[in-house]
Amino acid sequence: MIRLVQKLEILGGLATGVFAIAVTALVTCPRFAGDILGNGIYIGLAFVIAVGACLHGLRLKRAGFVVLVASAVLLVSISIGMALAGGLFLFCGARDGTLILTPSAVAIVTMAFSIAVRRLSARPQSDAA
């Protein structure tokens, strides 16, 4: 069971990075597409999530878990801030707004898998086959 959850954690982390690049390439909203520094932070956080997921999923490193959770919380809070206070759907529309929030949704799922891996790896393994 733990191997499956580890694989899902790694896939979720990698999907976060891939979705961030795809969203940056696909979104045509002038507020989002013209912000080079913001896009760099957006992609950077997604890749830090991917690295943390790989470190934690493959080697069960505590540092990978901390990096994953910290980056995911930051990415999700920035995205929620853009959606609620920044007028994301008002300025970018429903399609682009939903695309911009997609990596955050995947980051939340990746955090859930990461927490599940931590709990399953802390549980004593039974020797019964």
C-alpha atoms as a PDB file:
ATOM      1  CA  MET A   1       0.000   0.000   0.000  1.00  0.00           C
ATOM      2  CA  ILE A   2       2.781   2.428   0.877  1.00  0.00           C
ATOM      3  CA  ARG A   3       4.504   1.901  -2.500  1.00  0.00           C
ATOM      4  CA  LEU A   4       1.330   2.912  -4.336  1.00  0.00           C
ATOM      5  CA  VAL A   5       0.901   6.051  -2.239  1.00  0.00           C
ATOM      6  CA  GLN A   6       4.591   6.932  -2.736  1.00  0.00           C
ATOM      7  CA  LYS A   7       4.183   6.624  -6.500  1.00  0.00           C
ATOM      8  CA  LEU A   8       1.065   8.797  -6.395  1.00  0.00           C
ATOM      9  CA  GLU A   9       2.956  11.402  -4.351  1.00  0.00           C
ATOM     10  CA  ILE A  10       5.782  11.504  -6.889  1.00  0.00           C
ATOM     11  CA  LEU A  11       3.358  11.687  -9.812  1.00  0.00           C
ATOM     12  CA  GLY A  12       1.449  14.488  -8.101  1.00  0.00           C
ATOM     13  CA  GLY A  13       4.620  16.479  -7.533  1.00  0.00           C
ATOM     14  CA  LEU A  14       5.749  16.060 -11.125  1.00  0.00           C
ATOM     15  CA  ALA A  15       2.261  16.921 -12.393  1.00  0.00           C
ATOM     16  CA  THR A  16       2.359  20.154 -10.395  1.00  0.00           C
ATOM     17  CA  GLY A  17       5.542  21.235 -12.185  1.00  0.00           C
ATOM     18  CA  VAL A  18       4.287  20.186 -15.612  1.00  0.00           C
ATOM     19  CA  PHE A  19       0.938  21.929 -15.104  1.00  0.00           C
ATOM     20  CA  ALA A  20       2.680  25.130 -14.012  1.00  0.00           C
ATOM     21  CA  ILE A  21       4.715  25.213 -17.232  1.00  0.00           C
ATOM     22  CA  ALA A  22       1.668  24.358 -19.348  1.00  0.00           C
ATOM     23  CA  VAL A  23      -0.444  27.037 -17.672  1.00  0.00           C
ATOM     24  CA  THR A  24       2.253  29.655 -18.181  1.00  0.00           C
ATOM     25  CA  ALA A  25       2.410  28.744 -21.859  1.00  0.00           C
ATOM     26  CA  LEU A  26      -1.376  28.530 -22.424  1.00  0.00           C
ATOM     27  CA  VAL A  27      -2.794  31.451 -20.454  1.00  0.00           C
ATOM     28  CA  THR A  28      -3.313  34.572 -22.553  1.00  0.00           C
ATOM     29  CA  CYS A  29      -4.514  36.854 -19.750  1.00  0.00           C
ATOM     30  CA  PRO A  30      -2.394  40.029 -20.015  1.00  0.00           C
ATOM     31  CA  ARG A  31      -2.114  40.377 -16.246  1.00  0.00           C
ATOM     32  CA  PHE A  32      -0.688  36.867 -15.871  1.00  0.00           C
ATOM     33  CA  ALA A  33       1.221  36.467 -19.135  1.00  0.00           C
ATOM     34  CA  GLY A  34       3.080  39.770 -18.801  1.00  0.00           C
ATOM     35  CA  ASP A  35       4.317  39.208 -15.255  1.00  0.00           C
ATOM     36  CA  ILE A  36       7.718  37.576 -15.730  1.00  0.00           C
ATOM     37  CA  LEU A  37       8.731  37.683 -12.051  1.00  0.00           C
ATOM     38  CA  GLY A  38       5.365  36.271 -10.948  1.00  0.00           C
ATOM     39  CA  ASN A  39       5.573  33.481 -13.513  1.00  0.00           C
ATOM     40  CA  GLY A  40       9.092  32.655 -12.330  1.00  0.00           C
ATOM     41  CA  ILE A  41       7.882  32.372  -8.750  1.00  0.00           C
ATOM     42  CA  TYR A  42       4.876  30.326  -9.888  1.00  0.00           C
ATOM     43  CA  ILE A  43       7.006  27.839 -11.850  1.00  0.00           C
ATOM     44  CA  GLY A  44       9.755  27.863  -9.212  1.00  0.00           C
ATOM     45  CA  LEU A  45       7.378  26.915  -6.408  1.00  0.00           C
ATOM     46  CA  ALA A  46       5.883  24.163  -8.553  1.00  0.00           C
ATOM     47  CA  PHE A  47       9.325  22.713  -9.212  1.00  0.00           C
ATOM     48  CA  VAL A  48      10.264  22.906  -5.539  1.00  0.00           C
ATOM     49  CA  ILE A  49       7.081  20.918  -4.852  1.00  0.00           C
ATOM     50  CA  ALA A  50       8.204  18.345  -7.444  1.00  0.00           C
ATOM     51  CA  VAL A  51      11.667  18.068  -5.866  1.00  0.00           C
ATOM     52  CA  GLY A  52      10.194  17.739  -2.371  1.00  0.00           C
ATOM     53  CA  ALA A  53       7.767  15.056  -3.557  1.00  0.00           C
ATOM     54  CA  CYS A  54      10.584  13.089  -5.179  1.00  0.00           C
ATOM     55  CA  LEU A  55      12.839  13.357  -2.107  1.00  0.00           C
ATOM     56  CA  HIS A  56      10.065  12.330   0.225  1.00  0.00           C
ATOM     57  CA  GLY A  57       8.467   9.715  -2.023  1.00  0.00           C
ATOM     58  CA  LEU A  58      11.672   7.957  -3.020  1.00  0.00           C
ATOM     59  CA  ARG A  59      13.804   8.222   0.102  1.00  0.00           C
ATOM     60  CA  LEU A  60      11.341   9.187   2.856  1.00  0.00           C
ATOM     61  CA  LYS A  61      13.459  12.232   3.702  1.00  0.00           C
ATOM     62  CA  ARG A  62      11.981  14.564   6.286  1.00  0.00           C
ATOM     63  CA  ALA A  63      13.519  17.520   4.450  1.00  0.00           C
ATOM     64  CA  GLY A  64      11.571  16.551   1.321  1.00  0.00           C
ATOM     65  CA  PHE A  65       8.352  16.540   3.318  1.00  0.00           C
ATOM     66  CA  VAL A  66       9.072  19.958   4.831  1.00  0.00           C
ATOM     67  CA  VAL A  67      10.035  21.462   1.467  1.00  0.00           C
ATOM     68  CA  LEU A  68       6.955  19.972  -0.196  1.00  0.00           C
ATOM     69  CA  VAL A  69       4.506  21.179   2.424  1.00  0.00           C
ATOM     70  CA  ALA A  70       6.055  24.655   2.770  1.00  0.00           C
ATOM     71  CA  SER A  71       6.126  25.222  -0.995  1.00  0.00           C
ATOM     72  CA  ALA A  72       2.634  23.834  -1.513  1.00  0.00           C
ATOM     73  CA  VAL A  73       1.186  26.010   1.246  1.00  0.00           C
ATOM     74  CA  LEU A  74       2.884  29.064  -0.269  1.00  0.00           C
ATOM     75  CA  LEU A  75       1.700  28.253  -3.814  1.00  0.00           C
ATOM     76  CA  VAL A  76      -1.858  27.573  -2.667  1.00  0.00           C
ATOM     77  CA  SER A  77      -2.003  30.728  -0.529  1.00  0.00           C
ATOM     78  CA  ILE A  78      -0.714  32.877  -3.412  1.00  0.00           C
ATOM     79  CA  SER A  79      -3.245  31.315  -5.779  1.00  0.00           C
ATOM     80  CA  ILE A  80      -6.127  31.745  -3.349  1.00  0.00           C
ATOM     81  CA  GLY A  81      -5.031  35.332  -2.750  1.00  0.00           C
ATOM     82  CA  MET A  82      -5.068  35.979  -6.503  1.00  0.00           C
ATOM     83  CA  ALA A  83      -8.476  34.354  -6.839  1.00  0.00           C
ATOM     84  CA  LEU A  84     -10.175  36.081  -3.905  1.00  0.00           C
ATOM     85  CA  ALA A  85      -8.456  39.443  -3.521  1.00  0.00           C
ATOM     86  CA  GLY A  86      -6.773  39.893  -6.873  1.00  0.00           C
ATOM     87  CA  GLY A  87      -9.806  39.507  -9.105  1.00  0.00           C
ATOM     88  CA  LEU A  88      -8.386  36.543 -11.004  1.00  0.00           C
ATOM     89  CA  PHE A  89     -11.673  35.535 -12.636  1.00  0.00           C
ATOM     90  CA  LEU A  90     -12.655  39.154 -13.235  1.00  0.00           C
ATOM     91  CA  PHE A  91      -9.501  40.051 -15.154  1.00  0.00           C
ATOM     92  CA  CYS A  92      -8.628  36.698 -16.732  1.00  0.00           C
ATOM     93  CA  GLY A  93     -12.001  35.033 -17.237  1.00  0.00           C
ATOM     94  CA  ALA A  94     -13.255  31.615 -16.211  1.00  0.00           C
ATOM     95  CA  ARG A  95     -11.022  29.541 -18.518  1.00  0.00           C
ATOM     96  CA  ASP A  96      -7.729  31.236 -17.704  1.00  0.00           C
ATOM     97  CA  GLY A  97      -8.623  31.598 -14.029  1.00  0.00           C
ATOM     98  CA  THR A  98      -9.333  27.898 -13.719  1.00  0.00           C
ATOM     99  CA  LEU A  99      -6.116  27.044 -15.557  1.00  0.00           C
ATOM    100  CA  ILE A 100      -4.100  29.262 -13.217  1.00  0.00           C
ATOM    101  CA  LEU A 101      -5.571  27.496 -10.168  1.00  0.00           C
ATOM    102  CA  THR A 102      -4.944  23.960 -11.531  1.00  0.00           C
ATOM    103  CA  PRO A 103      -1.373  23.521 -10.162  1.00  0.00           C
ATOM    104  CA  SER A 104      -2.603  24.567  -6.721  1.00  0.00           C
ATOM    105  CA  ALA A 105      -5.281  21.871  -6.756  1.00  0.00           C
ATOM    106  CA  VAL A 106      -2.684  19.262  -7.713  1.00  0.00           C
ATOM    107  CA  ALA A 107      -0.381  20.604  -4.970  1.00  0.00           C
ATOM    108  CA  ILE A 108      -3.129  20.058  -2.390  1.00  0.00           C
ATOM    109  CA  VAL A 109      -3.560  16.447  -3.553  1.00  0.00           C
ATOM    110  CA  THR A 110       0.221  15.947  -3.451  1.00  0.00           C
ATOM    111  CA  MET A 111       0.312  17.239   0.129  1.00  0.00           C
ATOM    112  CA  ALA A 112      -2.408  14.759   1.069  1.00  0.00           C
ATOM    113  CA  PHE A 113      -0.424  11.884  -0.448  1.00  0.00           C
ATOM    114  CA  SER A 114       2.702  13.095   1.336  1.00  0.00           C
ATOM    115  CA  ILE A 115       0.939  13.083   4.688  1.00  0.00           C
ATOM    116  CA  ALA A 116      -0.396   9.593   3.930  1.00  0.00           C
ATOM    117  CA  VAL A 117       3.130   8.374   3.141  1.00  0.00           C
ATOM    118  CA  ARG A 118       4.400   9.830   6.439  1.00  0.00           C
ATOM    119  CA  ARG A 119       1.666   8.080   8.393  1.00  0.00           C
ATOM    120  CA  LEU A 120       2.056   4.760   6.581  1.00  0.00           C
ATOM    121  CA  SER A 121       5.850   4.762   6.946  1.00  0.00           C
ATOM    122  CA  ALA A 122       5.614   5.499  10.680  1.00  0.00           C
ATOM    123  CA  ARG A 123       3.286   2.540  11.198  1.00  0.00           C
ATOM    124  CA  PRO A 124       5.067  -0.680  12.214  1.00  0.00           C
ATOM    125  CA  GLN A 125       5.191  -3.184   9.338  1.00  0.00           C
ATOM    126  CA  SER A 126       3.634  -6.599   9.981  1.00  0.00           C
ATOM    127  CA  ASP A 127       5.692  -9.635   9.006  1.00  0.00           C
ATOM    128  CA  ALA A 128       2.640 -11.651   7.989  1.00  0.00           C
ATOM    129  CA  ALA A 129       2.640 -12.346   4.270  1.00  0.00           C
END
